[in-house]
Amino acid sequence: MPVIREASQLNHRSGPGWDCQAWASADAFGAPVPMRADRYRLAPGARSELIPLGGQEAVGYVIAGTGIAHASGEAFPLARESMLWLAACSGLELEAGPDGLDLLVAESEAADAEALAPLRKVLAAGELPHLTSTRDTRDRLDLVTDEVPVGATLLRADRISYHPGDTAAAHYHTDCHHVFCVLTGSGLLYSGEQAYRLTAGDSALVGPGEVHWFENDTTESFAFVEFWAPPPADTVWTVTGDRCTWAPAG
């Protein structure tokens, strides 16, 4: 069964003008998962403390606002739905723009950091693959996939939005952990015969081999960032003739 963590159950820390929510990790879930994700929210003009990174693969996704990320002596401009990639990086500092900054930072774990090629770059939303579902009206922005040229091997990630009535096809992954960080709205995560309600700020972990799918049973958009750690070698669709396929948006 999945592990669900409500926003109120997650640990927070804060400093002048900033707050951090420990969105997903082995500690948060009480279960093994080779990644962690934290949410940083900064007031306009605020600057975060130094965010330590373990030199693994790390990705930042801008939920809202603007700002600058400082890493390895470089400055990277951040805008809504841009993706920051930091491989083999030891730390990160954030500086919010005039409208504040809301940033998800995720990092892989349990890897040989010395084997990673250093790479730091930011991609604007318009540079990332934007897809729409051929099954319903879902909308997907790829953050870290084979189509995004950062050479990721330890993480996969995308932002997906379910419009009212949208559902995914039942499936499972044999060899990876699937982590969900809910951005907006409310929806149902199904696992087996059970349905679990997720709302904005919550997180969920689905383990290898667990059949799962989602439904937006509300009248508002339901969106989350989903991670695979490590990337799945195979996705198994469990209902004959029902699977999720995607096409380029527009």
C-alpha atoms as a PDB file:
ATOM      1  CA  MET A   1       0.000   0.000   0.000  1.00  0.00           C
ATOM      2  CA  PRO A   2       1.226   3.562  -0.606  1.00  0.00           C
ATOM      3  CA  VAL A   3       2.665   5.750   2.141  1.00  0.00           C
ATOM      4  CA  ILE A   4       0.815   9.071   2.428  1.00  0.00           C
ATOM      5  CA  ARG A   5       2.150  12.103   4.277  1.00  0.00           C
ATOM      6  CA  GLU A   6      -0.173  15.048   4.807  1.00  0.00           C
ATOM      7  CA  ALA A   7       1.354  18.513   4.691  1.00  0.00           C
ATOM      8  CA  SER A   8       0.742  18.936   8.436  1.00  0.00           C
ATOM      9  CA  GLN A   9       2.803  15.786   9.155  1.00  0.00           C
ATOM     10  CA  LEU A  10       5.930  16.983   7.373  1.00  0.00           C
ATOM     11  CA  ASN A  11       8.832  18.675   9.102  1.00  0.00           C
ATOM     12  CA  HIS A  12       9.463  22.372   8.519  1.00  0.00           C
ATOM     13  CA  ARG A  13      12.371  24.675   9.217  1.00  0.00           C
ATOM     14  CA  SER A  14      12.650  28.373   8.535  1.00  0.00           C
ATOM     15  CA  GLY A  15      14.820  31.462   8.631  1.00  0.00           C
ATOM     16  CA  PRO A  16      14.427  35.176   7.870  1.00  0.00           C
ATOM     17  CA  GLY A  17      12.024  35.353   4.948  1.00  0.00           C
ATOM     18  CA  TRP A  18      12.141  31.679   4.006  1.00  0.00           C
ATOM     19  CA  ASP A  19      10.532  28.352   4.940  1.00  0.00           C
ATOM     20  CA  CYS A  20      11.429  24.764   4.022  1.00  0.00           C
ATOM     21  CA  GLN A  21       9.043  21.796   3.970  1.00  0.00           C
ATOM     22  CA  ALA A  22      10.642  18.324   3.909  1.00  0.00           C
ATOM     23  CA  TRP A  23       8.330  17.036   1.193  1.00  0.00           C
ATOM     24  CA  ALA A  24       9.655  13.516   0.538  1.00  0.00           C
ATOM     25  CA  SER A  25      12.432  11.321   1.929  1.00  0.00           C
ATOM     26  CA  ALA A  26      13.057   7.976   3.578  1.00  0.00           C
ATOM     27  CA  ASP A  27      12.663   9.704   6.952  1.00  0.00           C
ATOM     28  CA  ALA A  28       9.408  11.407   5.968  1.00  0.00           C
ATOM     29  CA  PHE A  29       7.875   8.197   4.629  1.00  0.00           C
ATOM     30  CA  GLY A  30       9.402   5.806   7.142  1.00  0.00           C
ATOM     31  CA  ALA A  31      10.251   3.599   4.172  1.00  0.00           C
ATOM     32  CA  PRO A  32      13.233   3.224   1.844  1.00  0.00           C
ATOM     33  CA  VAL A  33      13.332   5.605  -1.121  1.00  0.00           C
ATOM     34  CA  PRO A  34      16.574   6.675  -2.884  1.00  0.00           C
ATOM     35  CA  MET A  35      15.729  10.385  -3.147  1.00  0.00           C
ATOM     36  CA  ARG A  36      14.527  13.362  -1.176  1.00  0.00           C
ATOM     37  CA  ALA A  37      12.497  16.438  -2.063  1.00  0.00           C
ATOM     38  CA  ASP A  38      12.153  19.739  -0.184  1.00  0.00           C
ATOM     39  CA  ARG A  39       9.985  22.778  -0.862  1.00  0.00           C
ATOM     40  CA  TYR A  40      11.522  26.228  -0.339  1.00  0.00           C
ATOM     41  CA  ARG A  41       9.278  29.290  -0.144  1.00  0.00           C
ATOM     42  CA  LEU A  42      10.928  32.707  -0.013  1.00  0.00           C
ATOM     43  CA  ALA A  43       9.394  36.124   0.559  1.00  0.00           C
ATOM     44  CA  PRO A  44      10.139  38.841  -2.023  1.00  0.00           C
ATOM     45  CA  GLY A  45      13.820  39.732  -1.941  1.00  0.00           C
ATOM     46  CA  ALA A  46      14.686  37.087   0.681  1.00  0.00           C
ATOM     47  CA  ARG A  47      17.698  34.804   0.483  1.00  0.00           C
ATOM     48  CA  SER A  48      17.849  31.235   1.779  1.00  0.00           C
ATOM     49  CA  GLU A  49      20.506  29.623   3.882  1.00  0.00           C
ATOM     50  CA  LEU A  50      23.022  27.399   2.087  1.00  0.00           C
ATOM     51  CA  ILE A  51      21.155  24.279   0.956  1.00  0.00           C
ATOM     52  CA  PRO A  52      23.597  21.350   1.138  1.00  0.00           C
ATOM     53  CA  LEU A  53      23.551  18.931  -1.773  1.00  0.00           C
ATOM     54  CA  GLY A  54      25.354  15.599  -1.726  1.00  0.00           C
ATOM     55  CA  GLY A  55      26.941  15.903  -5.146  1.00  0.00           C
ATOM     56  CA  GLN A  56      24.354  13.584  -6.699  1.00  0.00           C
ATOM     57  CA  GLU A  57      21.756  14.397  -9.359  1.00  0.00           C
ATOM     58  CA  ALA A  58      19.559  17.290  -8.251  1.00  0.00           C
ATOM     59  CA  VAL A  59      16.659  19.064  -9.909  1.00  0.00           C
ATOM     60  CA  GLY A  60      14.789  22.245  -9.032  1.00  0.00           C
ATOM     61  CA  TYR A  61      11.281  23.050 -10.298  1.00  0.00           C
ATOM     62  CA  VAL A  62       9.863  26.562  -9.920  1.00  0.00           C
ATOM     63  CA  ILE A  63       6.287  26.256  -8.675  1.00  0.00           C
ATOM     64  CA  ALA A  64       5.739  30.017  -8.623  1.00  0.00           C
ATOM     65  CA  GLY A  65       7.599  33.305  -8.572  1.00  0.00           C
ATOM     66  CA  THR A  66      11.037  34.279  -9.818  1.00  0.00           C
ATOM     67  CA  GLY A  67      14.543  34.473  -8.445  1.00  0.00           C
ATOM     68  CA  ILE A  68      18.166  33.471  -8.806  1.00  0.00           C
ATOM     69  CA  ALA A  69      19.858  30.201  -7.845  1.00  0.00           C
ATOM     70  CA  HIS A  70      23.523  30.456  -6.815  1.00  0.00           C
ATOM     71  CA  ALA A  71      25.522  27.239  -7.249  1.00  0.00           C
ATOM     72  CA  SER A  72      29.209  26.476  -7.828  1.00  0.00           C
ATOM     73  CA  GLY A  73      30.028  30.133  -8.410  1.00  0.00           C
ATOM     74  CA  GLU A  74      27.331  30.577 -11.067  1.00  0.00           C
ATOM     75  CA  ALA A  75      23.982  32.372 -11.007  1.00  0.00           C
ATOM     76  CA  PHE A  76      20.931  30.849 -12.706  1.00  0.00           C
ATOM     77  CA  PRO A  77      17.764  32.903 -13.373  1.00  0.00           C
ATOM     78  CA  LEU A  78      14.563  31.196 -12.268  1.00  0.00           C
ATOM     79  CA  ALA A  79      11.034  31.744 -13.588  1.00  0.00           C
ATOM     80  CA  ARG A  80       7.751  29.893 -13.185  1.00  0.00           C
ATOM     81  CA  GLU A  81       7.960  26.255 -14.363  1.00  0.00           C
ATOM     82  CA  SER A  82      11.642  26.477 -15.226  1.00  0.00           C
ATOM     83  CA  MET A  83      13.870  23.503 -14.400  1.00  0.00           C
ATOM     84  CA  LEU A  84      17.264  23.808 -12.688  1.00  0.00           C
ATOM     85  CA  TRP A  85      19.647  20.863 -13.113  1.00  0.00           C
ATOM     86  CA  LEU A  86      22.603  20.461 -10.739  1.00  0.00           C
ATOM     87  CA  ALA A  87      24.743  17.336 -11.084  1.00  0.00           C
ATOM     88  CA  ALA A  88      27.796  16.882  -8.846  1.00  0.00           C
ATOM     89  CA  CYS A  89      27.027  20.070  -6.919  1.00  0.00           C
ATOM     90  CA  SER A  90      27.697  20.496  -3.197  1.00  0.00           C
ATOM     91  CA  GLY A  91      25.319  23.334  -2.367  1.00  0.00           C
ATOM     92  CA  LEU A  92      22.756  25.869  -3.483  1.00  0.00           C
ATOM     93  CA  GLU A  93      21.540  29.289  -2.330  1.00  0.00           C
ATOM     94  CA  LEU A  94      18.290  30.897  -3.433  1.00  0.00           C
ATOM     95  CA  GLU A  95      17.440  34.562  -3.860  1.00  0.00           C
ATOM     96  CA  ALA A  96      13.804  35.520  -4.441  1.00  0.00           C
ATOM     97  CA  GLY A  97      12.625  38.077  -6.955  1.00  0.00           C
ATOM     98  CA  PRO A  98      10.035  40.825  -6.323  1.00  0.00           C
ATOM     99  CA  ASP A  99       7.171  38.310  -6.415  1.00  0.00           C
ATOM    100  CA  GLY A 100       8.806  35.759  -4.110  1.00  0.00           C
ATOM    101  CA  LEU A 101       9.945  32.251  -4.979  1.00  0.00           C
ATOM    102  CA  ASP A 102       8.378  28.800  -4.473  1.00  0.00           C
ATOM    103  CA  LEU A 103      10.840  26.060  -5.480  1.00  0.00           C
ATOM    104  CA  LEU A 104      10.887  22.272  -5.216  1.00  0.00           C
ATOM    105  CA  VAL A 105      14.418  20.855  -4.853  1.00  0.00           C
ATOM    106  CA  ALA A 106      14.890  17.088  -5.274  1.00  0.00           C
ATOM    107  CA  GLU A 107      18.058  15.035  -5.085  1.00  0.00           C
ATOM    108  CA  SER A 108      18.967  11.419  -5.745  1.00  0.00           C
ATOM    109  CA  GLU A 109      20.712   9.356  -3.108  1.00  0.00           C
ATOM    110  CA  ALA A 110      22.925   6.261  -2.904  1.00  0.00           C
ATOM    111  CA  ALA A 111      25.101   6.957  -5.938  1.00  0.00           C
ATOM    112  CA  ASP A 112      28.791   7.325  -6.677  1.00  0.00           C
ATOM    113  CA  ALA A 113      29.112  11.103  -6.805  1.00  0.00           C
ATOM    114  CA  GLU A 114      32.658  10.886  -8.201  1.00  0.00           C
ATOM    115  CA  ALA A 115      31.315   9.139 -11.310  1.00  0.00           C
ATOM    116  CA  LEU A 116      28.922  11.999 -12.158  1.00  0.00           C
ATOM    117  CA  ALA A 117      29.865  14.527 -14.790  1.00  0.00           C
ATOM    118  CA  PRO A 118      29.401  18.051 -13.385  1.00  0.00           C
ATOM    119  CA  LEU A 119      26.555  19.807 -15.186  1.00  0.00           C
ATOM    120  CA  ARG A 120      24.627  22.892 -14.067  1.00  0.00           C
ATOM    121  CA  LYS A 121      21.989  24.511 -16.265  1.00  0.00           C
ATOM    122  CA  VAL A 122      18.516  25.997 -16.234  1.00  0.00           C
ATOM    123  CA  LEU A 123      15.836  25.355 -18.846  1.00  0.00           C
ATOM    124  CA  ALA A 124      12.836  27.650 -19.223  1.00  0.00           C
ATOM    125  CA  ALA A 125       9.358  26.142 -19.419  1.00  0.00           C
ATOM    126  CA  GLY A 126       9.286  26.796 -23.167  1.00  0.00           C
ATOM    127  CA  GLU A 127      12.453  24.699 -23.615  1.00  0.00           C
ATOM    128  CA  LEU A 128      10.976  21.641 -21.896  1.00  0.00           C
ATOM    129  CA  PRO A 129       8.791  19.010 -23.604  1.00  0.00           C
ATOM    130  CA  HIS A 130       5.102  19.866 -23.137  1.00  0.00           C
ATOM    131  CA  LEU A 131       2.690  16.994 -23.752  1.00  0.00           C
ATOM    132  CA  THR A 132      -1.026  16.279 -23.661  1.00  0.00           C
ATOM    133  CA  SER A 133      -2.716  12.966 -22.983  1.00  0.00           C
ATOM    134  CA  THR A 134      -4.289  11.061 -25.873  1.00  0.00           C
ATOM    135  CA  ARG A 135      -6.532   9.311 -23.330  1.00  0.00           C
ATOM    136  CA  ASP A 136      -8.121  12.361 -21.639  1.00  0.00           C
ATOM    137  CA  THR A 137      -7.251  16.039 -21.029  1.00  0.00           C
ATOM    138  CA  ARG A 138      -4.198  15.690 -18.786  1.00  0.00           C
ATOM    139  CA  ASP A 139      -1.277  18.066 -19.313  1.00  0.00           C
ATOM    140  CA  ARG A 140       2.393  17.141 -18.752  1.00  0.00           C
ATOM    141  CA  LEU A 141       5.632  19.116 -18.581  1.00  0.00           C
ATOM    142  CA  ASP A 142       8.738  16.924 -18.673  1.00  0.00           C
ATOM    143  CA  LEU A 143      11.404  18.027 -16.203  1.00  0.00           C
ATOM    144  CA  VAL A 144      13.920  15.170 -16.240  1.00  0.00           C
ATOM    145  CA  THR A 145      13.390  12.550 -18.952  1.00  0.00           C
ATOM    146  CA  ASP A 146      15.292  11.071 -21.885  1.00  0.00           C
ATOM    147  CA  GLU A 147      14.031  14.025 -23.946  1.00  0.00           C
ATOM    148  CA  VAL A 148      15.609  16.599 -21.610  1.00  0.00           C
ATOM    149  CA  PRO A 149      19.359  16.819 -22.389  1.00  0.00           C
ATOM    150  CA  VAL A 150      20.951  16.591 -18.959  1.00  0.00           C
ATOM    151  CA  GLY A 151      22.103  12.963 -18.976  1.00  0.00           C
ATOM    152  CA  ALA A 152      20.102  11.931 -15.900  1.00  0.00           C
ATOM    153  CA  THR A 153      20.375   8.286 -14.858  1.00  0.00           C
ATOM    154  CA  LEU A 154      19.188   8.310 -11.222  1.00  0.00           C
ATOM    155  CA  LEU A 155      15.999  10.405 -11.405  1.00  0.00           C
ATOM    156  CA  ARG A 156      13.037  11.002 -13.694  1.00  0.00           C
ATOM    157  CA  ALA A 157      10.484  13.756 -13.066  1.00  0.00           C
ATOM    158  CA  ASP A 158       7.571  15.584 -14.635  1.00  0.00           C
ATOM    159  CA  ARG A 159       4.775  17.960 -13.667  1.00  0.00           C
ATOM    160  CA  ILE A 160       1.349  16.592 -14.507  1.00  0.00           C
ATOM    161  CA  SER A 161      -2.073  18.243 -14.238  1.00  0.00           C
ATOM    162  CA  TYR A 162      -5.382  16.374 -14.073  1.00  0.00           C
ATOM    163  CA  HIS A 163      -8.414  18.359 -15.141  1.00  0.00           C
ATOM    164  CA  PRO A 164     -11.855  17.506 -13.696  1.00  0.00           C
ATOM    165  CA  GLY A 165     -12.786  13.933 -14.571  1.00  0.00           C
ATOM    166  CA  ASP A 166      -9.321  12.891 -15.785  1.00  0.00           C
ATOM    167  CA  THR A 167      -8.004   9.469 -14.785  1.00  0.00           C
ATOM    168  CA  ALA A 168      -4.846   7.479 -15.462  1.00  0.00           C
ATOM    169  CA  ALA A 169      -4.682   3.835 -16.500  1.00  0.00           C
ATOM    170  CA  ALA A 170      -3.806   1.290 -13.809  1.00  0.00           C
ATOM    171  CA  HIS A 171      -0.155   0.257 -13.928  1.00  0.00           C
ATOM    172  CA  TYR A 172       2.947  -0.578 -11.924  1.00  0.00           C
ATOM    173  CA  HIS A 173       6.734  -0.307 -12.158  1.00  0.00           C
ATOM    174  CA  THR A 174       8.771  -3.377 -11.303  1.00  0.00           C
ATOM    175  CA  ASP A 175      12.000  -1.722 -10.272  1.00  0.00           C
ATOM    176  CA  CYS A 176      11.558   1.808  -8.967  1.00  0.00           C
ATOM    177  CA  HIS A 177       9.971   3.986  -6.310  1.00  0.00           C
ATOM    178  CA  HIS A 178       7.325   6.463  -7.461  1.00  0.00           C
ATOM    179  CA  VAL A 179       7.055   9.681  -5.420  1.00  0.00           C
ATOM    180  CA  PHE A 180       4.348  12.335  -5.751  1.00  0.00           C
ATOM    181  CA  CYS A 181       4.439  15.917  -4.397  1.00  0.00           C
ATOM    182  CA  VAL A 182       1.025  17.580  -4.730  1.00  0.00           C
ATOM    183  CA  LEU A 183       1.106  21.174  -5.956  1.00  0.00           C
ATOM    184  CA  THR A 184      -2.553  22.166  -6.240  1.00  0.00           C
ATOM    185  CA  GLY A 185      -6.064  20.822  -5.843  1.00  0.00           C
ATOM    186  CA  SER A 186      -7.254  17.457  -4.588  1.00  0.00           C
ATOM    187  CA  GLY A 187      -7.515  14.005  -6.125  1.00  0.00           C
ATOM    188  CA  LEU A 188      -7.598  10.284  -5.475  1.00  0.00           C
ATOM    189  CA  LEU A 189      -4.663   7.880  -5.549  1.00  0.00           C
ATOM    190  CA  TYR A 190      -5.869   4.316  -6.083  1.00  0.00           C
ATOM    191  CA  SER A 191      -3.820   1.335  -5.002  1.00  0.00           C
ATOM    192  CA  GLY A 192      -5.472  -2.050  -5.250  1.00  0.00           C
ATOM    193  CA  GLU A 193      -9.046  -1.651  -4.030  1.00  0.00           C
ATOM    194  CA  GLN A 194      -8.307   1.383  -1.855  1.00  0.00           C
ATOM    195  CA  ALA A 195      -8.575   5.104  -2.680  1.00  0.00           C
ATOM    196  CA  TYR A 196      -6.482   7.687  -0.836  1.00  0.00           C
ATOM    197  CA  ARG A 197      -7.250  11.411  -0.852  1.00  0.00           C
ATOM    198  CA  LEU A 198      -4.320  13.721  -1.634  1.00  0.00           C
ATOM    199  CA  THR A 199      -4.433  17.508  -1.357  1.00  0.00           C
ATOM    200  CA  ALA A 200      -2.002  20.365  -1.986  1.00  0.00           C
ATOM    201  CA  GLY A 201       1.168  20.016   0.102  1.00  0.00           C
ATOM    202  CA  ASP A 202       0.798  16.264   0.621  1.00  0.00           C
ATOM    203  CA  SER A 203       3.219  13.645  -0.645  1.00  0.00           C
ATOM    204  CA  ALA A 204       2.911   9.947  -1.427  1.00  0.00           C
ATOM    205  CA  LEU A 205       5.207   6.996  -2.064  1.00  0.00           C
ATOM    206  CA  VAL A 206       4.290   3.986  -4.197  1.00  0.00           C
ATOM    207  CA  GLY A 207       6.751   1.109  -4.045  1.00  0.00           C
ATOM    208  CA  PRO A 208       8.009  -1.233  -6.777  1.00  0.00           C
ATOM    209  CA  GLY A 209       5.292  -3.578  -8.068  1.00  0.00           C
ATOM    210  CA  GLU A 210       2.370  -1.638  -6.537  1.00  0.00           C
ATOM    211  CA  VAL A 211      -0.538  -1.156  -8.955  1.00  0.00           C
ATOM    212  CA  HIS A 212      -1.755   2.460  -8.858  1.00  0.00           C
ATOM    213  CA  TRP A 213      -3.553   5.196 -10.770  1.00  0.00           C
ATOM    214  CA  PHE A 214      -5.088   8.637 -10.167  1.00  0.00           C
ATOM    215  CA  GLU A 215      -8.451  10.326 -10.595  1.00  0.00           C
ATOM    216  CA  ASN A 216      -9.489  13.959 -10.338  1.00  0.00           C
ATOM    217  CA  ASP A 217     -12.983  13.669  -8.865  1.00  0.00           C
ATOM    218  CA  THR A 218     -13.277  17.420  -8.181  1.00  0.00           C
ATOM    219  CA  THR A 219     -14.219  20.504 -10.191  1.00  0.00           C
ATOM    220  CA  GLU A 220     -10.725  22.057  -9.915  1.00  0.00           C
ATOM    221  CA  SER A 221      -7.354  21.198 -11.425  1.00  0.00           C
ATOM    222  CA  PHE A 222      -5.244  18.628  -9.537  1.00  0.00           C
ATOM    223  CA  ALA A 223      -1.492  18.847 -10.178  1.00  0.00           C
ATOM    224  CA  PHE A 224       1.639  17.223  -8.815  1.00  0.00           C
ATOM    225  CA  VAL A 225       5.288  16.620  -9.573  1.00  0.00           C
ATOM    226  CA  GLU A 226       6.040  12.920  -9.872  1.00  0.00           C
ATOM    227  CA  PHE A 227       9.456  11.315  -9.508  1.00  0.00           C
ATOM    228  CA  TRP A 228      10.806   7.894 -10.360  1.00  0.00           C
ATOM    229  CA  ALA A 229      13.886   6.789  -8.410  1.00  0.00           C
ATOM    230  CA  PRO A 230      15.619   5.116 -10.113  1.00  0.00           C
ATOM    231  CA  PRO A 231      13.962   5.526 -13.549  1.00  0.00           C
ATOM    232  CA  PRO A 232      11.743   2.533 -14.367  1.00  0.00           C
ATOM    233  CA  ALA A 233      13.009  -0.062 -16.818  1.00  0.00           C
ATOM    234  CA  ASP A 234       9.420  -1.056 -17.594  1.00  0.00           C
ATOM    235  CA  THR A 235       5.843   0.080 -16.959  1.00  0.00           C
ATOM    236  CA  VAL A 236       3.230  -2.693 -16.834  1.00  0.00           C
ATOM    237  CA  TRP A 237      -0.374  -1.733 -17.726  1.00  0.00           C
ATOM    238  CA  THR A 238      -2.769  -4.024 -15.890  1.00  0.00           C
ATOM    239  CA  VAL A 239      -6.037  -3.529 -17.831  1.00  0.00           C
ATOM    240  CA  THR A 240      -6.007  -4.922 -21.357  1.00  0.00           C
ATOM    241  CA  GLY A 241      -6.253  -2.173 -23.948  1.00  0.00           C
ATOM    242  CA  ASP A 242      -5.995   0.668 -21.396  1.00  0.00           C
ATOM    243  CA  ARG A 243      -2.739   2.596 -21.199  1.00  0.00           C
ATOM    244  CA  CYS A 244      -1.509   6.192 -21.030  1.00  0.00           C
ATOM    245  CA  THR A 245       0.002   7.684 -24.181  1.00  0.00           C
ATOM    246  CA  TRP A 246       1.070  11.262 -24.874  1.00  0.00           C
ATOM    247  CA  ALA A 247       1.462  13.626 -27.806  1.00  0.00           C
ATOM    248  CA  PRO A 248       3.244  16.979 -28.157  1.00  0.00           C
ATOM    249  CA  ALA A 249       1.065  19.879 -27.007  1.00  0.00           C
ATOM    250  CA  GLY A 250      -0.147  22.353 -29.584  1.00  0.00           C
END
